[in-house]
């Protein structure tokens, strides 16, 4: 049985005694900014560095522009992975919606009124947060929904419940 988490936003959060929360509700101070986890970037950087070294080794022994091109490509991928590790993605949640930004790509912003649902999808035996846009939004609807591009400080199941509760609360005003 899935647990239910209600999210209630309170603009003034001076003391917990003023909130009068139900047992299944959580008060969020918005805007909430979460940083992405840094673990996956180091593995990708090491793997790309090893592949780049192997391509250099092949180029040294046999020559050819293909091996050299692979070495350069893998070296660039290793550098991008390290940059993503040094400056992880961040997720900002507020009354309007959420936005995800990172050093490697321009931020993605979504308004709560544009989102039909937020949930979880297992990718490689790990839960990832996915969202589906409403029909008529400028972005095309895709089967399964759009996936948030990173793992964040809060476990994905809890974060998905929080975001869905915020979507339900704040999309009614729009």
C-alpha atoms as a PDB file:
ATOM      1  CA  UNK A   1       0.000   0.000   0.000  1.00  0.00           C
ATOM      2  CA  UNK A   2       1.436   3.360  -1.020  1.00  0.00           C
ATOM      3  CA  UNK A   3       1.847   5.929   1.698  1.00  0.00           C
ATOM      4  CA  UNK A   4       0.213   9.318   1.296  1.00  0.00           C
ATOM      5  CA  UNK A   5       2.094  12.543   1.864  1.00  0.00           C
ATOM      6  CA  UNK A   6       0.271  15.837   1.869  1.00  0.00           C
ATOM      7  CA  UNK A   7       2.271  18.981   1.321  1.00  0.00           C
ATOM      8  CA  UNK A   8       1.037  22.255   2.708  1.00  0.00           C
ATOM      9  CA  UNK A   9       2.896  25.485   2.015  1.00  0.00           C
ATOM     10  CA  UNK A  10       2.965  28.119   4.731  1.00  0.00           C
ATOM     11  CA  UNK A  11       4.466  31.487   3.765  1.00  0.00           C
ATOM     12  CA  UNK A  12       5.153  32.350   7.426  1.00  0.00           C
ATOM     13  CA  UNK A  13       6.867  29.533   9.275  1.00  0.00           C
ATOM     14  CA  UNK A  14       7.859  31.211  12.550  1.00  0.00           C
ATOM     15  CA  UNK A  15       6.941  28.390  14.899  1.00  0.00           C
ATOM     16  CA  UNK A  16       5.766  24.833  14.428  1.00  0.00           C
ATOM     17  CA  UNK A  17       2.836  25.382  16.816  1.00  0.00           C
ATOM     18  CA  UNK A  18       1.120  27.693  14.308  1.00  0.00           C
ATOM     19  CA  UNK A  19       0.999  25.095  11.529  1.00  0.00           C
ATOM     20  CA  UNK A  20      -1.707  22.677  12.815  1.00  0.00           C
ATOM     21  CA  UNK A  21      -0.576  19.886  10.495  1.00  0.00           C
ATOM     22  CA  UNK A  22      -2.334  16.555  10.103  1.00  0.00           C
ATOM     23  CA  UNK A  23      -0.321  13.386  10.744  1.00  0.00           C
ATOM     24  CA  UNK A  24       0.293  12.799   7.023  1.00  0.00           C
ATOM     25  CA  UNK A  25       1.206  16.391   6.138  1.00  0.00           C
ATOM     26  CA  UNK A  26       4.614  18.015   5.825  1.00  0.00           C
ATOM     27  CA  UNK A  27       5.174  21.763   5.906  1.00  0.00           C
ATOM     28  CA  UNK A  28       7.613  23.021   3.280  1.00  0.00           C
ATOM     29  CA  UNK A  29       9.377  26.339   3.338  1.00  0.00           C
ATOM     30  CA  UNK A  30       9.443  27.450  -0.275  1.00  0.00           C
ATOM     31  CA  UNK A  31      11.485  28.043  -2.306  1.00  0.00           C
ATOM     32  CA  UNK A  32      13.235  24.745  -1.631  1.00  0.00           C
ATOM     33  CA  UNK A  33      16.595  24.257  -3.372  1.00  0.00           C
ATOM     34  CA  UNK A  34      18.167  20.796  -3.539  1.00  0.00           C
ATOM     35  CA  UNK A  35      21.572  19.896  -4.922  1.00  0.00           C
ATOM     36  CA  UNK A  36      22.193  16.839  -7.059  1.00  0.00           C
ATOM     37  CA  UNK A  37      24.254  13.912  -5.831  1.00  0.00           C
ATOM     38  CA  UNK A  38      27.816  13.819  -7.060  1.00  0.00           C
ATOM     39  CA  UNK A  39      28.464  10.045  -7.097  1.00  0.00           C
ATOM     40  CA  UNK A  40      27.701   9.102 -10.700  1.00  0.00           C
ATOM     41  CA  UNK A  41      30.003  11.675 -12.314  1.00  0.00           C
ATOM     42  CA  UNK A  42      33.238  10.199 -10.990  1.00  0.00           C
ATOM     43  CA  UNK A  43      32.513   6.731 -12.406  1.00  0.00           C
ATOM     44  CA  UNK A  44      31.686   8.187 -15.825  1.00  0.00           C
ATOM     45  CA  UNK A  45      34.832  10.355 -15.757  1.00  0.00           C
ATOM     46  CA  UNK A  46      37.041   7.386 -14.856  1.00  0.00           C
ATOM     47  CA  UNK A  47      35.462   5.181 -17.496  1.00  0.00           C
ATOM     48  CA  UNK A  48      35.922   7.831 -20.192  1.00  0.00           C
ATOM     49  CA  UNK A  49      39.523   8.461 -19.099  1.00  0.00           C
ATOM     50  CA  UNK A  50      40.302   4.740 -19.361  1.00  0.00           C
ATOM     51  CA  UNK A  51      38.699   4.580 -22.812  1.00  0.00           C
ATOM     52  CA  UNK A  52      40.678   7.642 -23.885  1.00  0.00           C
ATOM     53  CA  UNK A  53      43.892   6.016 -22.672  1.00  0.00           C
ATOM     54  CA  UNK A  54      43.070   2.835 -24.558  1.00  0.00           C
ATOM     55  CA  UNK A  55      42.444   4.835 -27.746  1.00  0.00           C
ATOM     56  CA  UNK A  56      45.784   6.632 -27.316  1.00  0.00           C
ATOM     57  CA  UNK A  57      47.481   3.256 -26.862  1.00  0.00           C
ATOM     58  CA  UNK A  58      45.896   1.971 -30.084  1.00  0.00           C
ATOM     59  CA  UNK A  59      46.913   5.151 -31.926  1.00  0.00           C
ATOM     60  CA  UNK A  60      50.485   4.809 -30.658  1.00  0.00           C
ATOM     61  CA  UNK A  61      50.735   1.178 -31.806  1.00  0.00           C
ATOM     62  CA  UNK A  62      48.784   1.245 -35.051  1.00  0.00           C
ATOM     63  CA  UNK A  63      48.195   4.880 -35.957  1.00  0.00           C
ATOM     64  CA  UNK A  64      45.110   6.055 -37.782  1.00  0.00           C
ATOM     65  CA  UNK A  65      42.892   9.058 -37.341  1.00  0.00           C
ATOM     66  CA  UNK A  66      39.970   6.958 -35.970  1.00  0.00           C
ATOM     67  CA  UNK A  67      41.825   6.014 -32.791  1.00  0.00           C
ATOM     68  CA  UNK A  68      42.974   9.596 -32.314  1.00  0.00           C
ATOM     69  CA  UNK A  69      39.421  10.891 -32.778  1.00  0.00           C
ATOM     70  CA  UNK A  70      38.157   8.373 -30.185  1.00  0.00           C
ATOM     71  CA  UNK A  71      40.869   9.477 -27.748  1.00  0.00           C
ATOM     72  CA  UNK A  72      39.852  13.129 -28.103  1.00  0.00           C
ATOM     73  CA  UNK A  73      36.143  12.302 -27.821  1.00  0.00           C
ATOM     74  CA  UNK A  74      36.590  10.235 -24.653  1.00  0.00           C
ATOM     75  CA  UNK A  75      38.871  12.902 -23.143  1.00  0.00           C
ATOM     76  CA  UNK A  76      36.162  15.522 -23.728  1.00  0.00           C
ATOM     77  CA  UNK A  77      33.524  13.252 -22.176  1.00  0.00           C
ATOM     78  CA  UNK A  78      35.762  12.717 -19.137  1.00  0.00           C
ATOM     79  CA  UNK A  79      36.165  16.491 -18.749  1.00  0.00           C
ATOM     80  CA  UNK A  80      32.402  17.043 -19.020  1.00  0.00           C
ATOM     81  CA  UNK A  81      31.760  14.330 -16.432  1.00  0.00           C
ATOM     82  CA  UNK A  82      34.203  15.972 -14.035  1.00  0.00           C
ATOM     83  CA  UNK A  83      32.565  19.354 -14.603  1.00  0.00           C
ATOM     84  CA  UNK A  84      29.185  17.798 -13.806  1.00  0.00           C
ATOM     85  CA  UNK A  85      30.678  16.362 -10.627  1.00  0.00           C
ATOM     86  CA  UNK A  86      32.204  19.676  -9.539  1.00  0.00           C
ATOM     87  CA  UNK A  87      29.027  21.658 -10.243  1.00  0.00           C
ATOM     88  CA  UNK A  88      26.085  19.267  -9.704  1.00  0.00           C
ATOM     89  CA  UNK A  89      22.559  19.909 -10.872  1.00  0.00           C
ATOM     90  CA  UNK A  90      20.170  21.800  -8.609  1.00  0.00           C
ATOM     91  CA  UNK A  91      16.397  21.545  -8.251  1.00  0.00           C
ATOM     92  CA  UNK A  92      14.391  24.597  -7.176  1.00  0.00           C
ATOM     93  CA  UNK A  93      10.778  24.107  -6.074  1.00  0.00           C
ATOM     94  CA  UNK A  94       8.482  27.077  -5.401  1.00  0.00           C
ATOM     95  CA  UNK A  95       4.812  28.083  -5.638  1.00  0.00           C
ATOM     96  CA  UNK A  96       5.010  28.511  -9.422  1.00  0.00           C
ATOM     97  CA  UNK A  97       6.667  25.198 -10.277  1.00  0.00           C
ATOM     98  CA  UNK A  98      10.143  23.723 -10.403  1.00  0.00           C
ATOM     99  CA  UNK A  99      13.350  24.270 -12.327  1.00  0.00           C
ATOM    100  CA  UNK A 100      16.414  22.099 -12.827  1.00  0.00           C
ATOM    101  CA  UNK A 101      19.744  23.588 -13.823  1.00  0.00           C
ATOM    102  CA  UNK A 102      23.305  22.342 -14.109  1.00  0.00           C
ATOM    103  CA  UNK A 103      26.684  23.383 -15.411  1.00  0.00           C
ATOM    104  CA  UNK A 104      26.220  21.239 -18.514  1.00  0.00           C
ATOM    105  CA  UNK A 105      22.809  22.334 -19.733  1.00  0.00           C
ATOM    106  CA  UNK A 106      20.415  25.233 -19.619  1.00  0.00           C
ATOM    107  CA  UNK A 107      17.796  25.035 -16.912  1.00  0.00           C
ATOM    108  CA  UNK A 108      14.484  23.280 -17.470  1.00  0.00           C
ATOM    109  CA  UNK A 109      11.518  25.081 -15.888  1.00  0.00           C
ATOM    110  CA  UNK A 110       7.984  23.755 -15.502  1.00  0.00           C
ATOM    111  CA  UNK A 111       4.949  25.437 -14.001  1.00  0.00           C
ATOM    112  CA  UNK A 112       2.643  23.353 -11.817  1.00  0.00           C
ATOM    113  CA  UNK A 113      -0.257  24.285 -14.111  1.00  0.00           C
ATOM    114  CA  UNK A 114       1.554  22.665 -17.092  1.00  0.00           C
ATOM    115  CA  UNK A 115       2.067  19.313 -15.377  1.00  0.00           C
ATOM    116  CA  UNK A 116      -0.483  16.517 -15.423  1.00  0.00           C
ATOM    117  CA  UNK A 117       1.252  14.160 -12.966  1.00  0.00           C
ATOM    118  CA  UNK A 118       4.531  13.458 -11.173  1.00  0.00           C
ATOM    119  CA  UNK A 119       5.608   9.959 -10.229  1.00  0.00           C
ATOM    120  CA  UNK A 120       8.362   7.361 -10.163  1.00  0.00           C
ATOM    121  CA  UNK A 121       9.781   5.090 -12.812  1.00  0.00           C
ATOM    122  CA  UNK A 122      12.411   2.418 -12.222  1.00  0.00           C
ATOM    123  CA  UNK A 123      15.440   2.890 -14.464  1.00  0.00           C
ATOM    124  CA  UNK A 124      18.231   0.396 -13.928  1.00  0.00           C
ATOM    125  CA  UNK A 125      16.713  -0.736 -10.611  1.00  0.00           C
ATOM    126  CA  UNK A 126      16.748   2.839  -9.277  1.00  0.00           C
ATOM    127  CA  UNK A 127      13.696   5.023  -8.824  1.00  0.00           C
ATOM    128  CA  UNK A 128      13.729   8.170 -10.981  1.00  0.00           C
ATOM    129  CA  UNK A 129      11.266  11.055 -10.900  1.00  0.00           C
ATOM    130  CA  UNK A 130       9.176  11.498 -14.045  1.00  0.00           C
ATOM    131  CA  UNK A 131       6.521  14.036 -14.972  1.00  0.00           C
ATOM    132  CA  UNK A 132       3.964  14.265 -17.747  1.00  0.00           C
ATOM    133  CA  UNK A 133       2.891  17.564 -19.279  1.00  0.00           C
ATOM    134  CA  UNK A 134      -0.771  18.363 -19.906  1.00  0.00           C
ATOM    135  CA  UNK A 135      -2.164  18.212 -23.444  1.00  0.00           C
ATOM    136  CA  UNK A 136      -1.804  21.545 -25.208  1.00  0.00           C
ATOM    137  CA  UNK A 137       1.416  22.598 -23.452  1.00  0.00           C
ATOM    138  CA  UNK A 138       4.131  23.726 -25.885  1.00  0.00           C
ATOM    139  CA  UNK A 139       6.242  20.690 -25.039  1.00  0.00           C
ATOM    140  CA  UNK A 140       5.339  17.394 -26.720  1.00  0.00           C
ATOM    141  CA  UNK A 141       3.837  14.633 -24.552  1.00  0.00           C
ATOM    142  CA  UNK A 142       6.049  11.559 -24.466  1.00  0.00           C
ATOM    143  CA  UNK A 143       5.160   8.014 -23.382  1.00  0.00           C
ATOM    144  CA  UNK A 144       6.185   7.551 -19.755  1.00  0.00           C
ATOM    145  CA  UNK A 145       6.856  11.260 -19.236  1.00  0.00           C
ATOM    146  CA  UNK A 146       9.979  13.376 -18.875  1.00  0.00           C
ATOM    147  CA  UNK A 147      12.630  12.295 -16.386  1.00  0.00           C
ATOM    148  CA  UNK A 148      14.405  14.704 -14.066  1.00  0.00           C
ATOM    149  CA  UNK A 149      18.071  14.545 -15.057  1.00  0.00           C
ATOM    150  CA  UNK A 150      19.649  13.900 -11.664  1.00  0.00           C
ATOM    151  CA  UNK A 151      19.374  12.328  -8.237  1.00  0.00           C
ATOM    152  CA  UNK A 152      18.962  14.832  -5.405  1.00  0.00           C
ATOM    153  CA  UNK A 153      19.596  15.083  -1.642  1.00  0.00           C
ATOM    154  CA  UNK A 154      16.153  13.689  -0.793  1.00  0.00           C
ATOM    155  CA  UNK A 155      15.347  10.082  -1.823  1.00  0.00           C
ATOM    156  CA  UNK A 156      13.424   9.971  -5.109  1.00  0.00           C
ATOM    157  CA  UNK A 157      10.200   8.412  -3.680  1.00  0.00           C
ATOM    158  CA  UNK A 158       9.904  11.113  -1.001  1.00  0.00           C
ATOM    159  CA  UNK A 159      10.774  13.921  -3.417  1.00  0.00           C
ATOM    160  CA  UNK A 160       8.238  12.661  -5.984  1.00  0.00           C
ATOM    161  CA  UNK A 161       5.501  12.604  -3.318  1.00  0.00           C
ATOM    162  CA  UNK A 162       6.413  16.125  -2.205  1.00  0.00           C
ATOM    163  CA  UNK A 163       6.414  17.439  -5.765  1.00  0.00           C
ATOM    164  CA  UNK A 164       3.098  15.747  -6.606  1.00  0.00           C
ATOM    165  CA  UNK A 165       1.505  17.191  -3.471  1.00  0.00           C
ATOM    166  CA  UNK A 166       2.793  20.660  -4.367  1.00  0.00           C
ATOM    167  CA  UNK A 167       1.514  20.215  -7.932  1.00  0.00           C
ATOM    168  CA  UNK A 168      -1.937  19.322  -6.633  1.00  0.00           C
ATOM    169  CA  UNK A 169      -2.007  22.282  -4.256  1.00  0.00           C
ATOM    170  CA  UNK A 170      -0.583  24.983  -6.519  1.00  0.00           C
ATOM    171  CA  UNK A 171      -2.053  23.955  -9.907  1.00  0.00           C
ATOM    172  CA  UNK A 172      -5.581  24.579  -8.643  1.00  0.00           C
ATOM    173  CA  UNK A 173      -4.947  28.316  -8.567  1.00  0.00           C
ATOM    174  CA  UNK A 174      -3.940  28.400 -12.253  1.00  0.00           C
END
